[in-house]
Amino acid sequence: MALSNRALASLSTAAVLGMLGLAFASEPLYKTFCQVTGFGGTTRVATEGPASILEQTIEVRFDANVADAPLIFRPLQTAETVRIGQHGLAFFEVTNPTQDEVRVIASYNVTPHYAGPYFNKLECFCFSERVFAPGETRKLPVVYFISPDLVEDRIAGKLETITLSYTFFSSSNYEGPRNQADAQGAANSAAPG
């Protein structure tokens, strides 16, 4: 059975529009997938710590980067050793050495990437726009824990070191989540029960 030119044109148009729609939806869907699953080193945002703290320890290293803003950004400690399930506290320092106000947003990731689902933050400075006045220096805290579920993962359970990395982006160039609540909602909706 042969298709008419009109039917063929309609099918082709529908296919092109469908592919265009998927192209626009792919980036937000991928970001949501990463936040929910921890894929690509995306950590989870928690509202409370775990019920148990294990004897097993893990070293957490800290990394600071600036993509496209004139800031000086560094961790105030290079690493901490924490027990799995224990709250850790780390500080990062940001300095605006310019004579202009700088508006930035921080994003983060964890390496190795398969540790992302087990790295939980209770407090952080990510996904909210921060404004740094000329010459201002500020200390920013991160409160975190490694989920005890990590030890049950046959691959991640063998980890000895995890690296938490933050990157500041100019607010005008940043394309990720714009506030902690959006990131937290996506992560908590799939948090293990």
N, C-alpha and C. Protein backbone atom coordinates (compact mmCIF):
# COMPACT_ATOMS: atom_id res chain seq x y z
N MET A 1 0.84 -1.16 0.00
CA MET A 1 0.00 0.00 0.00
C MET A 1 0.90 1.24 0.00
N ALA A 2 0.73 2.09 -0.94
CA ALA A 2 1.55 3.29 -1.09
C ALA A 2 0.96 4.42 -0.27
N LEU A 3 1.85 5.21 0.35
CA LEU A 3 1.41 6.36 1.11
C LEU A 3 1.30 7.56 0.17
N SER A 4 0.30 8.37 0.43
CA SER A 4 0.16 9.58 -0.38
C SER A 4 1.25 10.56 0.03
N ASN A 5 1.50 11.51 -0.82
CA ASN A 5 2.50 12.53 -0.52
C ASN A 5 2.13 13.30 0.75
N ARG A 6 0.86 13.56 0.94
CA ARG A 6 0.40 14.30 2.12
C ARG A 6 0.66 13.48 3.40
N ALA A 7 0.38 12.19 3.39
CA ALA A 7 0.60 11.33 4.55
C ALA A 7 2.09 11.21 4.84
N LEU A 8 2.89 11.08 3.79
CA LEU A 8 4.33 10.99 3.97
C LEU A 8 4.90 12.30 4.54
N ALA A 9 4.40 13.43 4.08
CA ALA A 9 4.84 14.74 4.58
C ALA A 9 4.43 14.89 6.05
N SER A 10 3.24 14.45 6.41
CA SER A 10 2.78 14.54 7.80
C SER A 10 3.62 13.67 8.71
N LEU A 11 3.93 12.45 8.28
CA LEU A 11 4.77 11.57 9.08
C LEU A 11 6.18 12.15 9.25
N SER A 12 6.71 12.69 8.20
CA SER A 12 8.04 13.28 8.26
C SER A 12 8.06 14.49 9.19
N THR A 13 7.05 15.32 9.11
CA THR A 13 6.95 16.50 9.98
C THR A 13 6.82 16.06 11.44
N ALA A 14 5.99 15.07 11.70
CA ALA A 14 5.82 14.57 13.08
C ALA A 14 7.14 14.01 13.62
N ALA A 15 7.88 13.29 12.79
CA ALA A 15 9.16 12.73 13.22
C ALA A 15 10.16 13.83 13.53
N VAL A 16 10.24 14.85 12.69
CA VAL A 16 11.16 15.96 12.92
C VAL A 16 10.78 16.72 14.20
N LEU A 17 9.49 16.99 14.40
CA LEU A 17 9.05 17.70 15.60
C LEU A 17 9.31 16.86 16.85
N GLY A 18 9.10 15.55 16.75
CA GLY A 18 9.38 14.66 17.88
C GLY A 18 10.85 14.67 18.26
N MET A 19 11.72 14.58 17.25
CA MET A 19 13.16 14.62 17.51
C MET A 19 13.58 15.97 18.09
N LEU A 20 13.01 17.06 17.59
CA LEU A 20 13.31 18.39 18.11
C LEU A 20 12.89 18.51 19.57
N GLY A 21 11.72 17.99 19.91
CA GLY A 21 11.24 18.00 21.29
C GLY A 21 12.15 17.20 22.20
N LEU A 22 12.60 16.03 21.75
CA LEU A 22 13.52 15.22 22.55
C LEU A 22 14.86 15.92 22.74
N ALA A 23 15.31 16.63 21.71
CA ALA A 23 16.57 17.36 21.83
C ALA A 23 16.49 18.42 22.92
N PHE A 24 15.37 19.16 22.97
CA PHE A 24 15.21 20.19 23.99
C PHE A 24 15.04 19.58 25.38
N ALA A 25 14.41 18.43 25.49
CA ALA A 25 14.15 17.80 26.78
C ALA A 25 15.34 17.00 27.28
N SER A 26 16.29 16.65 26.44
CA SER A 26 17.35 15.74 26.85
C SER A 26 18.23 16.29 27.96
N GLU A 27 18.63 17.56 27.89
CA GLU A 27 19.51 18.10 28.91
C GLU A 27 18.83 18.15 30.29
N PRO A 28 17.61 18.71 30.43
CA PRO A 28 16.98 18.69 31.76
C PRO A 28 16.70 17.27 32.26
N LEU A 29 16.33 16.37 31.36
CA LEU A 29 16.08 14.99 31.78
C LEU A 29 17.37 14.34 32.26
N TYR A 30 18.47 14.57 31.57
CA TYR A 30 19.76 14.00 31.97
C TYR A 30 20.20 14.55 33.32
N LYS A 31 20.05 15.87 33.54
CA LYS A 31 20.43 16.47 34.82
C LYS A 31 19.60 15.88 35.96
N THR A 32 18.31 15.73 35.73
CA THR A 32 17.44 15.14 36.75
C THR A 32 17.86 13.71 37.03
N PHE A 33 18.15 12.95 35.99
CA PHE A 33 18.60 11.57 36.15
C PHE A 33 19.87 11.52 37.00
N CYS A 34 20.83 12.40 36.73
CA CYS A 34 22.08 12.42 37.49
C CYS A 34 21.84 12.77 38.95
N GLN A 35 20.96 13.74 39.22
CA GLN A 35 20.68 14.13 40.60
C GLN A 35 19.98 13.02 41.36
N VAL A 36 19.09 12.31 40.71
CA VAL A 36 18.33 11.26 41.37
C VAL A 36 19.17 10.02 41.63
N THR A 37 20.01 9.65 40.67
CA THR A 37 20.76 8.40 40.77
C THR A 37 22.18 8.56 41.27
N GLY A 38 22.70 9.79 41.27
CA GLY A 38 24.11 9.97 41.62
C GLY A 38 25.03 9.70 40.45
N PHE A 39 24.46 9.43 39.27
CA PHE A 39 25.26 9.15 38.08
C PHE A 39 26.13 10.36 37.77
N GLY A 40 27.35 10.09 37.32
CA GLY A 40 28.26 11.17 36.95
C GLY A 40 28.83 11.90 38.15
N GLY A 41 28.75 11.30 39.34
CA GLY A 41 29.32 11.91 40.53
C GLY A 41 28.43 12.92 41.20
N THR A 42 27.17 13.01 40.80
CA THR A 42 26.26 13.94 41.45
C THR A 42 25.89 13.41 42.82
N THR A 43 26.08 14.23 43.84
CA THR A 43 25.80 13.80 45.20
C THR A 43 24.33 13.98 45.52
N ARG A 44 23.94 13.48 46.67
CA ARG A 44 22.56 13.64 47.14
C ARG A 44 22.54 14.72 48.22
N VAL A 45 21.39 15.38 48.34
CA VAL A 45 21.19 16.37 49.38
C VAL A 45 20.27 15.74 50.41
N ALA A 46 20.72 15.66 51.65
CA ALA A 46 19.96 15.01 52.71
C ALA A 46 19.38 16.04 53.67
N THR A 47 18.33 15.66 54.38
CA THR A 47 17.74 16.53 55.40
C THR A 47 18.14 16.09 56.80
N GLU A 48 18.62 14.85 56.95
CA GLU A 48 19.12 14.38 58.23
C GLU A 48 20.16 13.30 58.01
N GLY A 49 20.99 13.10 59.02
CA GLY A 49 22.06 12.13 58.93
C GLY A 49 21.56 10.71 59.14
N PRO A 50 22.42 9.72 58.90
CA PRO A 50 22.03 8.33 59.08
C PRO A 50 21.89 7.97 60.56
N ALA A 51 21.19 6.89 60.84
CA ALA A 51 20.97 6.44 62.21
C ALA A 51 22.21 5.80 62.82
N SER A 52 23.11 5.30 61.98
CA SER A 52 24.29 4.62 62.52
C SER A 52 25.58 5.18 61.93
N ILE A 53 26.63 5.09 62.75
CA ILE A 53 27.97 5.48 62.32
C ILE A 53 28.84 4.23 62.42
N LEU A 54 29.50 3.90 61.32
CA LEU A 54 30.32 2.70 61.28
C LEU A 54 31.74 2.98 61.74
N GLU A 55 32.47 1.94 62.07
CA GLU A 55 33.88 2.08 62.44
C GLU A 55 34.76 2.34 61.22
N GLN A 56 34.33 1.87 60.06
CA GLN A 56 35.12 2.03 58.83
C GLN A 56 35.27 3.50 58.49
N THR A 57 36.47 3.91 58.12
CA THR A 57 36.73 5.30 57.76
C THR A 57 36.97 5.43 56.27
N ILE A 58 36.85 6.66 55.81
CA ILE A 58 37.12 6.98 54.41
C ILE A 58 37.72 8.39 54.37
N GLU A 59 38.66 8.60 53.47
CA GLU A 59 39.25 9.92 53.32
C GLU A 59 38.44 10.70 52.29
N VAL A 60 38.09 11.94 52.63
CA VAL A 60 37.39 12.83 51.70
C VAL A 60 38.35 13.95 51.35
N ARG A 61 38.65 14.08 50.07
CA ARG A 61 39.52 15.15 49.59
C ARG A 61 38.64 16.27 49.03
N PHE A 62 39.18 17.48 49.03
CA PHE A 62 38.42 18.65 48.61
C PHE A 62 39.16 19.37 47.48
N ASP A 63 38.38 19.80 46.50
CA ASP A 63 38.92 20.44 45.30
C ASP A 63 38.07 21.67 45.00
N ALA A 64 38.69 22.76 44.57
CA ALA A 64 37.98 24.00 44.26
C ALA A 64 38.44 24.53 42.91
N ASN A 65 37.47 24.95 42.09
CA ASN A 65 37.76 25.44 40.74
C ASN A 65 36.89 26.65 40.43
N VAL A 66 37.36 27.49 39.52
CA VAL A 66 36.59 28.62 39.02
C VAL A 66 36.59 28.52 37.51
N ALA A 67 35.39 28.47 36.91
CA ALA A 67 35.30 28.30 35.45
C ALA A 67 35.47 29.61 34.70
N ASP A 68 34.71 30.61 35.05
CA ASP A 68 34.68 31.81 34.23
C ASP A 68 34.39 33.07 35.05
N ALA A 69 34.88 33.12 36.27
CA ALA A 69 34.67 34.28 37.13
C ALA A 69 36.01 34.67 37.75
N PRO A 70 36.22 35.94 38.02
CA PRO A 70 37.52 36.40 38.55
C PRO A 70 37.61 36.22 40.07
N LEU A 71 37.50 34.99 40.56
CA LEU A 71 37.56 34.71 41.99
C LEU A 71 38.79 33.87 42.33
N ILE A 72 39.20 33.94 43.58
CA ILE A 72 40.20 33.02 44.13
C ILE A 72 39.41 32.09 45.05
N PHE A 73 39.46 30.79 44.79
CA PHE A 73 38.62 29.82 45.48
C PHE A 73 39.47 28.64 45.90
N ARG A 74 39.43 28.28 47.19
CA ARG A 74 40.26 27.18 47.65
C ARG A 74 39.62 26.48 48.84
N PRO A 75 39.90 25.19 49.02
CA PRO A 75 39.46 24.51 50.24
C PRO A 75 40.40 24.90 51.38
N LEU A 76 39.87 25.04 52.59
CA LEU A 76 40.72 25.37 53.73
C LEU A 76 41.37 24.13 54.33
N GLN A 77 40.98 22.96 53.88
CA GLN A 77 41.64 21.71 54.24
C GLN A 77 41.70 20.89 52.96
N THR A 78 42.77 20.15 52.78
CA THR A 78 42.88 19.35 51.55
C THR A 78 42.15 18.03 51.68
N ALA A 79 42.04 17.51 52.92
CA ALA A 79 41.37 16.22 53.12
C ALA A 79 40.94 16.07 54.57
N GLU A 80 39.95 15.20 54.79
CA GLU A 80 39.50 14.81 56.13
C GLU A 80 39.26 13.31 56.11
N THR A 81 39.54 12.67 57.22
CA THR A 81 39.18 11.26 57.35
C THR A 81 37.99 11.20 58.29
N VAL A 82 36.88 10.62 57.81
CA VAL A 82 35.66 10.52 58.60
C VAL A 82 35.20 9.07 58.66
N ARG A 83 34.50 8.74 59.72
CA ARG A 83 33.87 7.43 59.80
C ARG A 83 32.63 7.45 58.92
N ILE A 84 32.31 6.34 58.31
CA ILE A 84 31.15 6.27 57.43
C ILE A 84 29.88 6.47 58.27
N GLY A 85 29.07 7.44 57.87
CA GLY A 85 27.86 7.81 58.60
C GLY A 85 28.06 9.02 59.49
N GLN A 86 29.30 9.38 59.79
CA GLN A 86 29.62 10.53 60.64
C GLN A 86 29.51 11.82 59.84
N HIS A 87 29.04 12.88 60.50
CA HIS A 87 28.99 14.18 59.84
C HIS A 87 30.40 14.72 59.70
N GLY A 88 30.71 15.24 58.53
CA GLY A 88 31.97 15.92 58.29
C GLY A 88 31.69 17.39 58.06
N LEU A 89 32.63 18.25 58.37
CA LEU A 89 32.50 19.68 58.16
C LEU A 89 33.75 20.17 57.46
N ALA A 90 33.57 20.81 56.33
CA ALA A 90 34.69 21.36 55.58
C ALA A 90 34.38 22.81 55.24
N PHE A 91 35.43 23.61 55.10
CA PHE A 91 35.26 25.01 54.73
C PHE A 91 36.05 25.31 53.46
N PHE A 92 35.43 26.14 52.63
CA PHE A 92 36.07 26.66 51.43
C PHE A 92 36.14 28.17 51.58
N GLU A 93 37.17 28.77 50.99
CA GLU A 93 37.33 30.22 51.07
C GLU A 93 37.27 30.82 49.67
N VAL A 94 36.50 31.89 49.55
CA VAL A 94 36.35 32.57 48.27
C VAL A 94 36.75 34.03 48.46
N THR A 95 37.58 34.54 47.54
CA THR A 95 37.98 35.94 47.56
C THR A 95 37.70 36.56 46.20
N ASN A 96 37.12 37.75 46.23
CA ASN A 96 36.93 38.54 45.02
C ASN A 96 38.03 39.60 45.00
N PRO A 97 39.10 39.38 44.21
CA PRO A 97 40.22 40.33 44.20
C PRO A 97 39.98 41.55 43.30
N THR A 98 38.81 41.64 42.69
CA THR A 98 38.56 42.72 41.73
C THR A 98 37.91 43.93 42.41
N GLN A 99 37.73 44.97 41.63
CA GLN A 99 37.05 46.18 42.09
C GLN A 99 35.57 46.16 41.72
N ASP A 100 35.09 45.02 41.22
CA ASP A 100 33.70 44.90 40.79
C ASP A 100 32.99 43.81 41.58
N GLU A 101 31.68 43.95 41.70
CA GLU A 101 30.85 42.90 42.29
C GLU A 101 30.87 41.69 41.36
N VAL A 102 30.94 40.48 41.93
CA VAL A 102 30.96 39.26 41.13
C VAL A 102 29.78 38.39 41.56
N ARG A 103 28.99 37.94 40.59
CA ARG A 103 27.83 37.07 40.84
C ARG A 103 28.12 35.69 40.27
N VAL A 104 28.04 34.68 41.16
CA VAL A 104 28.40 33.32 40.76
C VAL A 104 27.44 32.29 41.36
N ILE A 105 27.49 31.10 40.79
CA ILE A 105 26.76 29.93 41.30
C ILE A 105 27.76 28.78 41.29
N ALA A 106 27.74 27.98 42.37
CA ALA A 106 28.64 26.83 42.46
C ALA A 106 27.88 25.55 42.13
N SER A 107 28.55 24.65 41.43
CA SER A 107 28.05 23.30 41.24
C SER A 107 29.12 22.36 41.78
N TYR A 108 28.80 21.09 41.91
CA TYR A 108 29.72 20.15 42.52
C TYR A 108 29.63 18.80 41.85
N ASN A 109 30.62 17.97 42.12
CA ASN A 109 30.55 16.56 41.77
C ASN A 109 31.49 15.78 42.67
N VAL A 110 31.36 14.47 42.62
CA VAL A 110 32.16 13.58 43.43
C VAL A 110 32.87 12.60 42.51
N THR A 111 34.12 12.30 42.81
CA THR A 111 34.82 11.25 42.09
C THR A 111 35.39 10.27 43.10
N PRO A 112 35.44 9.01 42.78
CA PRO A 112 34.92 8.41 41.55
C PRO A 112 33.40 8.56 41.47
N HIS A 113 32.90 8.58 40.25
CA HIS A 113 31.49 8.87 40.01
C HIS A 113 30.55 7.90 40.71
N TYR A 114 30.95 6.65 40.84
CA TYR A 114 30.05 5.68 41.47
C TYR A 114 29.91 5.90 42.97
N ALA A 115 30.66 6.84 43.55
CA ALA A 115 30.49 7.19 44.96
C ALA A 115 29.39 8.23 45.16
N GLY A 116 28.96 8.88 44.09
CA GLY A 116 27.95 9.94 44.16
C GLY A 116 26.69 9.58 44.94
N PRO A 117 26.09 8.41 44.72
CA PRO A 117 24.86 8.09 45.44
C PRO A 117 25.04 7.96 46.96
N TYR A 118 26.27 7.80 47.42
CA TYR A 118 26.53 7.59 48.84
C TYR A 118 27.02 8.84 49.55
N PHE A 119 27.34 9.88 48.79
CA PHE A 119 27.84 11.12 49.36
C PHE A 119 26.65 12.06 49.53
N ASN A 120 26.33 12.40 50.78
CA ASN A 120 25.15 13.23 51.08
C ASN A 120 25.59 14.53 51.73
N LYS A 121 24.97 15.62 51.31
CA LYS A 121 25.27 16.92 51.90
C LYS A 121 24.07 17.39 52.71
N LEU A 122 24.33 17.84 53.94
CA LEU A 122 23.29 18.41 54.78
C LEU A 122 23.24 19.93 54.63
N GLU A 123 24.37 20.52 54.30
CA GLU A 123 24.44 21.97 54.09
C GLU A 123 25.55 22.24 53.09
N CYS A 124 25.25 23.09 52.11
CA CYS A 124 26.30 23.47 51.16
C CYS A 124 25.98 24.82 50.55
N PHE A 125 26.89 25.31 49.77
CA PHE A 125 26.75 26.63 49.15
C PHE A 125 26.46 26.54 47.66
N CYS A 126 25.98 25.40 47.21
CA CYS A 126 25.77 25.20 45.78
C CYS A 126 24.35 25.59 45.34
N PHE A 127 24.23 25.87 44.07
CA PHE A 127 22.98 26.13 43.37
C PHE A 127 22.27 27.42 43.75
N SER A 128 22.84 28.21 44.64
CA SER A 128 22.27 29.51 44.98
C SER A 128 23.23 30.58 44.51
N GLU A 129 22.69 31.61 43.91
CA GLU A 129 23.56 32.68 43.45
C GLU A 129 24.21 33.36 44.67
N ARG A 130 25.50 33.58 44.57
CA ARG A 130 26.27 34.27 45.60
C ARG A 130 26.82 35.54 44.99
N VAL A 131 26.77 36.62 45.76
CA VAL A 131 27.29 37.90 45.31
C VAL A 131 28.47 38.26 46.20
N PHE A 132 29.63 38.46 45.59
CA PHE A 132 30.83 38.82 46.32
C PHE A 132 31.18 40.28 46.00
N ALA A 133 31.26 41.09 47.04
CA ALA A 133 31.59 42.51 46.90
C ALA A 133 33.06 42.66 46.52
N PRO A 134 33.44 43.79 45.97
CA PRO A 134 34.85 44.02 45.64
C PRO A 134 35.74 43.81 46.87
N GLY A 135 36.78 43.01 46.72
CA GLY A 135 37.72 42.75 47.80
C GLY A 135 37.23 41.82 48.91
N GLU A 136 36.02 41.32 48.81
CA GLU A 136 35.45 40.49 49.88
C GLU A 136 36.06 39.08 49.91
N THR A 137 36.27 38.58 51.14
CA THR A 137 36.67 37.18 51.35
C THR A 137 35.62 36.57 52.27
N ARG A 138 35.16 35.37 51.91
CA ARG A 138 34.12 34.69 52.69
C ARG A 138 34.47 33.21 52.84
N LYS A 139 34.18 32.64 54.02
CA LYS A 139 34.32 31.21 54.24
C LYS A 139 32.95 30.56 54.08
N LEU A 140 32.91 29.47 53.32
CA LEU A 140 31.66 28.77 53.04
C LEU A 140 31.73 27.34 53.56
N PRO A 141 30.76 26.91 54.39
CA PRO A 141 30.81 25.56 54.97
C PRO A 141 30.10 24.52 54.11
N VAL A 142 30.53 23.29 54.27
CA VAL A 142 29.85 22.12 53.71
C VAL A 142 29.74 21.10 54.84
N VAL A 143 28.53 20.65 55.14
CA VAL A 143 28.30 19.58 56.11
C VAL A 143 27.85 18.37 55.32
N TYR A 144 28.49 17.25 55.53
CA TYR A 144 28.24 16.08 54.68
C TYR A 144 28.38 14.80 55.49
N PHE A 145 27.97 13.68 54.89
CA PHE A 145 28.25 12.36 55.43
C PHE A 145 28.26 11.35 54.29
N ILE A 146 28.94 10.24 54.53
CA ILE A 146 28.96 9.13 53.59
C ILE A 146 27.95 8.10 54.11
N SER A 147 26.99 7.74 53.29
CA SER A 147 25.93 6.81 53.70
C SER A 147 26.51 5.44 54.05
N PRO A 148 26.06 4.85 55.16
CA PRO A 148 26.50 3.49 55.50
C PRO A 148 26.15 2.46 54.42
N ASP A 149 25.21 2.77 53.53
CA ASP A 149 24.88 1.86 52.42
C ASP A 149 26.08 1.60 51.52
N LEU A 150 27.07 2.49 51.56
CA LEU A 150 28.26 2.35 50.73
C LEU A 150 28.93 1.00 50.95
N VAL A 151 29.00 0.53 52.19
CA VAL A 151 29.74 -0.71 52.47
C VAL A 151 29.08 -1.94 51.85
N GLU A 152 27.80 -1.85 51.50
CA GLU A 152 27.10 -2.97 50.88
C GLU A 152 27.29 -3.03 49.37
N ASP A 153 27.81 -1.97 48.78
CA ASP A 153 28.07 -1.92 47.34
C ASP A 153 29.39 -2.63 47.08
N ARG A 154 29.38 -3.66 46.25
CA ARG A 154 30.59 -4.48 46.05
C ARG A 154 31.75 -3.69 45.43
N ILE A 155 31.46 -2.61 44.72
CA ILE A 155 32.53 -1.80 44.14
C ILE A 155 32.84 -0.60 45.03
N ALA A 156 31.83 0.21 45.31
CA ALA A 156 32.04 1.42 46.12
C ALA A 156 32.46 1.09 47.54
N GLY A 157 32.07 -0.07 48.05
CA GLY A 157 32.41 -0.46 49.41
C GLY A 157 33.91 -0.63 49.63
N LYS A 158 34.68 -0.70 48.56
CA LYS A 158 36.14 -0.85 48.67
C LYS A 158 36.88 0.49 48.60
N LEU A 159 36.12 1.57 48.46
CA LEU A 159 36.75 2.89 48.35
C LEU A 159 37.50 3.28 49.62
N GLU A 160 38.62 3.92 49.42
CA GLU A 160 39.38 4.48 50.53
C GLU A 160 39.37 6.00 50.49
N THR A 161 39.11 6.56 49.29
CA THR A 161 39.15 8.01 49.10
C THR A 161 38.03 8.45 48.17
N ILE A 162 37.39 9.57 48.51
CA ILE A 162 36.39 10.22 47.66
C ILE A 162 36.81 11.68 47.55
N THR A 163 36.65 12.26 46.38
CA THR A 163 36.97 13.68 46.19
C THR A 163 35.70 14.46 45.92
N LEU A 164 35.46 15.51 46.71
CA LEU A 164 34.35 16.44 46.51
C LEU A 164 34.92 17.67 45.83
N SER A 165 34.38 17.98 44.66
CA SER A 165 34.90 19.09 43.86
C SER A 165 33.79 20.11 43.61
N TYR A 166 34.10 21.38 43.86
CA TYR A 166 33.18 22.48 43.58
C TYR A 166 33.77 23.36 42.48
N THR A 167 32.88 23.89 41.65
CA THR A 167 33.29 24.84 40.61
C THR A 167 32.34 26.02 40.63
N PHE A 168 32.89 27.24 40.68
CA PHE A 168 32.07 28.45 40.56
C PHE A 168 31.98 28.86 39.10
N PHE A 169 30.77 29.22 38.69
CA PHE A 169 30.49 29.72 37.35
C PHE A 169 29.87 31.10 37.47
N SER A 170 30.15 31.96 36.51
CA SER A 170 29.45 33.23 36.44
C SER A 170 27.96 32.95 36.35
N SER A 171 27.14 33.68 37.11
CA SER A 171 25.69 33.44 37.10
C SER A 171 25.08 33.54 35.71
N SER A 172 25.63 34.41 34.89
CA SER A 172 25.07 34.59 33.55
C SER A 172 25.38 33.42 32.63
N ASN A 173 26.39 32.60 32.94
CA ASN A 173 26.76 31.46 32.09
C ASN A 173 26.31 30.12 32.64
N TYR A 174 25.84 30.08 33.89
CA TYR A 174 25.48 28.82 34.55
C TYR A 174 24.14 28.31 34.04
N GLU A 175 24.06 27.00 33.75
CA GLU A 175 22.82 26.43 33.20
C GLU A 175 22.22 25.33 34.07
N GLY A 176 22.77 25.10 35.27
CA GLY A 176 22.27 24.03 36.15
C GLY A 176 21.11 24.49 37.01
N PRO A 177 20.78 23.70 38.08
CA PRO A 177 19.70 24.08 38.99
C PRO A 177 19.99 25.45 39.60
N ARG A 178 18.96 26.24 39.80
CA ARG A 178 19.14 27.59 40.30
C ARG A 178 18.93 27.75 41.80
N ASN A 179 18.54 26.69 42.50
CA ASN A 179 18.45 26.80 43.95
C ASN A 179 18.56 25.43 44.61
N GLN A 180 18.90 25.45 45.88
CA GLN A 180 19.12 24.21 46.63
C GLN A 180 17.84 23.39 46.70
N ALA A 181 16.67 24.03 46.81
CA ALA A 181 15.41 23.30 46.93
C ALA A 181 15.15 22.45 45.69
N ASP A 182 15.42 22.98 44.51
CA ASP A 182 15.22 22.19 43.28
C ASP A 182 16.13 20.98 43.25
N ALA A 183 17.40 21.17 43.60
CA ALA A 183 18.34 20.06 43.61
C ALA A 183 17.98 19.05 44.69
N GLN A 184 17.57 19.56 45.87
CA GLN A 184 17.22 18.68 46.98
C GLN A 184 15.97 17.90 46.67
N GLY A 185 14.97 18.51 46.07
CA GLY A 185 13.73 17.81 45.73
C GLY A 185 13.98 16.65 44.79
N ALA A 186 14.81 16.86 43.79
CA ALA A 186 15.12 15.79 42.83
C ALA A 186 15.89 14.67 43.51
N ALA A 187 16.83 15.04 44.37
CA ALA A 187 17.65 14.00 45.02
C ALA A 187 16.85 13.24 46.05
N ASN A 188 16.04 13.92 46.85
CA ASN A 188 15.30 13.24 47.90
C ASN A 188 14.19 12.37 47.37
N SER A 189 13.69 12.67 46.18
CA SER A 189 12.59 11.86 45.64
C SER A 189 13.04 10.44 45.35
N ALA A 190 14.34 10.23 45.21
CA ALA A 190 14.83 8.88 44.94
C ALA A 190 15.77 8.37 46.00
N ALA A 191 15.82 9.08 47.14
CA ALA A 191 16.72 8.65 48.20
C ALA A 191 16.32 7.27 48.69
N PRO A 192 17.30 6.39 48.95
CA PRO A 192 16.95 5.07 49.40
C PRO A 192 16.19 5.12 50.70
N GLY A 193 15.20 4.26 50.82
CA GLY A 193 14.29 4.32 51.94
C GLY A 193 14.73 3.54 53.10
